[in-house]
Structure formats: structure tokens, C-alpha cells
Amino acid sequence: MMELTIKSMMSPDVEIDAWEAESPRDVYFLLELEIGETHRDAADLFQVMVATPEGLREHARGNIISERATLVLSEFSWPSLHRALQDILRKCQTTDWPQSCLRLQRYFRWEYEDFVRS
């Protein structure tokens, strides 16, 4: 089984592991993850919205609360987010990168999603 790891985390909205929400029940931000195989330097970029139910309600566009690639936590904390991400990576591990990548796309947007070679 190939082991997946998060090589880096970044966000245009918050400072990773330092930002504190005014309310842990009202959170909504974009998270970008570089994910790859544990024993290789290469990684691909994935994106997910991190939110709480209240944060989703506050940022809803009409009747649409979320279309996809959203991780909803009942209350936000950095440790709970890290645990959730590690659980997802464990679920997505397979014997090769292409299969793992397909599984990762169930949870995250992938930088090469819908890429078509010309």
C-alpha cells in the first residue's frame, strides 16, 4: 500500500495552525494541500473549503450551500482538522498514485481536474 502525506498546507484566508476563529462554530475558509507519496518529493495541489454548519449558512449563495469539495466540522479546531485530513488520506491510499488520486478527488478539487491533453 502506498502511503500518502500532506507535504504542505496553505490558505489565502487564514494563517495555518495560528489563526483562531472568533467562534469555532462559524468558520469558512479555503485550504490548499500539497499531497503526495510519503517517500517521494513530488506532490499535487488539492483544494477544499473548510467550514462549520454556521459558516456554510453565512456564505450560502441562494439555496446552494455547497456544491462540492467541502469539509464540514461541527466545531473548528486545528487538531480536529488535522485528524480529519489524516483520516481522509488513509481512506485514499491504494497501491498506485492514479488510483489514490481518483479517491482524493472524492474529497478535494485537484489541480489537474478536467485536464485534457491536446
C-alpha atoms as a PDB file:
ATOM      1  CA  MET A   1       0.000   0.000   0.000  1.00  0.00           C
ATOM      2  CA  MET A   2       1.304   3.420  -0.963  1.00  0.00           C
ATOM      3  CA  GLU A   3       1.314   5.896   1.945  1.00  0.00           C
ATOM      4  CA  LEU A   4       0.029   9.434   1.295  1.00  0.00           C
ATOM      5  CA  THR A   5       1.167  12.528   3.148  1.00  0.00           C
ATOM      6  CA  ILE A   6       0.411  16.231   3.223  1.00  0.00           C
ATOM      7  CA  LYS A   7       3.614  17.960   2.104  1.00  0.00           C
ATOM      8  CA  SER A   8       2.308  21.464   2.802  1.00  0.00           C
ATOM      9  CA  MET A   9      -0.850  23.344   3.745  1.00  0.00           C
ATOM     10  CA  MET A  10      -1.648  26.944   2.860  1.00  0.00           C
ATOM     11  CA  SER A  11      -4.613  29.266   2.718  1.00  0.00           C
ATOM     12  CA  PRO A  12      -5.217  32.693   1.207  1.00  0.00           C
ATOM     13  CA  ASP A  13      -7.714  33.298   4.024  1.00  0.00           C
ATOM     14  CA  VAL A  14      -6.048  32.262   7.295  1.00  0.00           C
ATOM     15  CA  GLU A  15      -2.619  31.533   8.754  1.00  0.00           C
ATOM     16  CA  ILE A  16      -2.268  27.751   9.110  1.00  0.00           C
ATOM     17  CA  ASP A  17      -2.100  26.492  12.710  1.00  0.00           C
ATOM     18  CA  ALA A  18      -2.020  30.067  14.060  1.00  0.00           C
ATOM     19  CA  TRP A  19      -5.390  31.618  13.146  1.00  0.00           C
ATOM     20  CA  GLU A  20      -8.116  31.405  15.755  1.00  0.00           C
ATOM     21  CA  ALA A  21     -11.753  31.728  14.813  1.00  0.00           C
ATOM     22  CA  GLU A  22     -13.859  34.284  16.671  1.00  0.00           C
ATOM     23  CA  SER A  23     -16.334  31.454  17.074  1.00  0.00           C
ATOM     24  CA  PRO A  24     -15.360  27.780  16.492  1.00  0.00           C
ATOM     25  CA  ARG A  25     -18.933  27.296  15.218  1.00  0.00           C
ATOM     26  CA  ASP A  26     -18.682  29.939  12.449  1.00  0.00           C
ATOM     27  CA  VAL A  27     -15.780  29.033  10.141  1.00  0.00           C
ATOM     28  CA  TYR A  28     -15.389  29.131   6.358  1.00  0.00           C
ATOM     29  CA  PHE A  29     -12.045  29.251   4.510  1.00  0.00           C
ATOM     30  CA  LEU A  30     -10.185  27.810   1.549  1.00  0.00           C
ATOM     31  CA  LEU A  31      -7.461  25.274   2.306  1.00  0.00           C
ATOM     32  CA  GLU A  32      -4.846  24.234  -0.249  1.00  0.00           C
ATOM     33  CA  LEU A  33      -2.941  20.988   0.288  1.00  0.00           C
ATOM     34  CA  GLU A  34       0.079  19.597  -1.487  1.00  0.00           C
ATOM     35  CA  ILE A  35      -0.382  15.831  -1.237  1.00  0.00           C
ATOM     36  CA  GLY A  36       1.981  13.150  -2.435  1.00  0.00           C
ATOM     37  CA  GLU A  37       3.533   9.803  -1.669  1.00  0.00           C
ATOM     38  CA  THR A  38       5.388   9.741   1.641  1.00  0.00           C
ATOM     39  CA  HIS A  39       8.779   8.664   0.248  1.00  0.00           C
ATOM     40  CA  ARG A  40       8.791  10.932  -2.835  1.00  0.00           C
ATOM     41  CA  ASP A  41       9.316  14.675  -3.170  1.00  0.00           C
ATOM     42  CA  ALA A  42       6.584  15.176  -5.781  1.00  0.00           C
ATOM     43  CA  ALA A  43       3.141  16.419  -4.770  1.00  0.00           C
ATOM     44  CA  ASP A  44      -0.051  17.616  -6.431  1.00  0.00           C
ATOM     45  CA  LEU A  45      -2.201  20.528  -5.312  1.00  0.00           C
ATOM     46  CA  PHE A  46      -5.681  19.906  -3.908  1.00  0.00           C
ATOM     47  CA  GLN A  47      -8.228  22.407  -2.557  1.00  0.00           C
ATOM     48  CA  VAL A  48     -11.081  22.109  -0.089  1.00  0.00           C
ATOM     49  CA  MET A  49     -13.335  24.558   1.713  1.00  0.00           C
ATOM     50  CA  VAL A  50     -13.183  24.070   5.484  1.00  0.00           C
ATOM     51  CA  ALA A  51     -16.407  25.078   7.167  1.00  0.00           C
ATOM     52  CA  THR A  52     -18.784  24.617  10.030  1.00  0.00           C
ATOM     53  CA  PRO A  53     -22.567  24.410   9.504  1.00  0.00           C
ATOM     54  CA  GLU A  54     -22.966  28.035  10.615  1.00  0.00           C
ATOM     55  CA  GLY A  55     -20.129  29.145   8.335  1.00  0.00           C
ATOM     56  CA  LEU A  56     -21.824  27.406   5.413  1.00  0.00           C
ATOM     57  CA  ARG A  57     -25.108  29.160   6.151  1.00  0.00           C
ATOM     58  CA  GLU A  58     -23.361  32.544   6.301  1.00  0.00           C
ATOM     59  CA  HIS A  59     -21.660  32.002   2.922  1.00  0.00           C
ATOM     60  CA  ALA A  60     -24.550  30.337   1.073  1.00  0.00           C
ATOM     61  CA  ARG A  61     -25.308  31.608  -2.421  1.00  0.00           C
ATOM     62  CA  GLY A  62     -29.071  31.497  -2.565  1.00  0.00           C
ATOM     63  CA  ASN A  63     -30.253  27.951  -1.912  1.00  0.00           C
ATOM     64  CA  ILE A  64     -26.828  26.471  -2.671  1.00  0.00           C
ATOM     65  CA  ILE A  65     -24.818  25.880   0.475  1.00  0.00           C
ATOM     66  CA  SER A  66     -22.038  23.796  -1.064  1.00  0.00           C
ATOM     67  CA  GLU A  67     -21.529  22.191  -4.433  1.00  0.00           C
ATOM     68  CA  ARG A  68     -18.520  20.014  -3.595  1.00  0.00           C
ATOM     69  CA  ALA A  69     -15.056  19.744  -2.020  1.00  0.00           C
ATOM     70  CA  THR A  70     -16.190  20.976   1.381  1.00  0.00           C
ATOM     71  CA  LEU A  71     -15.068  19.551   4.701  1.00  0.00           C
ATOM     72  CA  VAL A  72     -17.670  20.318   7.350  1.00  0.00           C
ATOM     73  CA  LEU A  73     -16.660  20.186  11.012  1.00  0.00           C
ATOM     74  CA  SER A  74     -19.240  20.579  13.790  1.00  0.00           C
ATOM     75  CA  GLU A  75     -16.758  22.883  15.559  1.00  0.00           C
ATOM     76  CA  PHE A  76     -13.428  24.070  14.237  1.00  0.00           C
ATOM     77  CA  SER A  77     -10.042  23.439  15.808  1.00  0.00           C
ATOM     78  CA  TRP A  78      -6.694  22.867  14.146  1.00  0.00           C
ATOM     79  CA  PRO A  79      -6.241  19.438  15.821  1.00  0.00           C
ATOM     80  CA  SER A  80      -9.689  18.273  14.643  1.00  0.00           C
ATOM     81  CA  LEU A  81      -8.947  19.483  11.099  1.00  0.00           C
ATOM     82  CA  HIS A  82      -5.589  17.657  11.047  1.00  0.00           C
ATOM     83  CA  ARG A  83      -7.256  14.437  12.292  1.00  0.00           C
ATOM     84  CA  ALA A  84      -9.973  14.696   9.635  1.00  0.00           C
ATOM     85  CA  LEU A  85      -7.406  15.215   6.876  1.00  0.00           C
ATOM     86  CA  GLN A  86      -5.325  12.243   8.047  1.00  0.00           C
ATOM     87  CA  ASP A  87      -8.450  10.065   8.090  1.00  0.00           C
ATOM     88  CA  ILE A  88      -9.200  11.088   4.507  1.00  0.00           C
ATOM     89  CA  LEU A  89      -5.644  10.308   3.389  1.00  0.00           C
ATOM     90  CA  ARG A  90      -5.865   6.843   4.960  1.00  0.00           C
ATOM     91  CA  LYS A  91      -9.111   6.171   3.076  1.00  0.00           C
ATOM     92  CA  CYS A  92      -7.493   7.238  -0.204  1.00  0.00           C
ATOM     93  CA  GLN A  93      -4.330   5.112  -0.030  1.00  0.00           C
ATOM     94  CA  THR A  94      -4.101   2.461  -2.733  1.00  0.00           C
ATOM     95  CA  THR A  95      -1.280   0.649  -4.486  1.00  0.00           C
ATOM     96  CA  ASP A  96      -0.618   3.434  -7.031  1.00  0.00           C
ATOM     97  CA  TRP A  97      -0.846   7.218  -7.408  1.00  0.00           C
ATOM     98  CA  PRO A  98      -3.505   7.336 -10.182  1.00  0.00           C
ATOM     99  CA  GLN A  99      -5.956   5.282  -8.098  1.00  0.00           C
ATOM    100  CA  SER A 100      -5.180   7.254  -4.941  1.00  0.00           C
ATOM    101  CA  CYS A 101      -5.666  10.479  -6.872  1.00  0.00           C
ATOM    102  CA  LEU A 102      -9.101   9.344  -8.041  1.00  0.00           C
ATOM    103  CA  ARG A 103     -10.062   8.696  -4.443  1.00  0.00           C
ATOM    104  CA  LEU A 104      -8.673  12.036  -3.261  1.00  0.00           C
ATOM    105  CA  GLN A 105     -10.951  13.768  -5.772  1.00  0.00           C
ATOM    106  CA  ARG A 106     -13.950  12.470  -3.824  1.00  0.00           C
ATOM    107  CA  TYR A 107     -12.957  14.942  -1.091  1.00  0.00           C
ATOM    108  CA  PHE A 108     -10.851  17.637  -2.765  1.00  0.00           C
ATOM    109  CA  ARG A 109     -10.543  19.589  -6.006  1.00  0.00           C
ATOM    110  CA  TRP A 110      -7.407  18.508  -7.865  1.00  0.00           C
ATOM    111  CA  GLU A 111      -5.179  20.893  -9.831  1.00  0.00           C
ATOM    112  CA  TYR A 112      -5.372  18.633 -12.924  1.00  0.00           C
ATOM    113  CA  GLU A 113      -9.102  18.012 -12.724  1.00  0.00           C
ATOM    114  CA  ASP A 114     -10.684  18.113 -16.181  1.00  0.00           C
ATOM    115  CA  PHE A 115      -7.233  18.474 -17.795  1.00  0.00           C
ATOM    116  CA  VAL A 116      -7.269  17.317 -21.396  1.00  0.00           C
ATOM    117  CA  ARG A 117      -4.103  16.893 -23.425  1.00  0.00           C
ATOM    118  CA  SER A 118      -4.252  18.453 -26.868  1.00  0.00           C
END
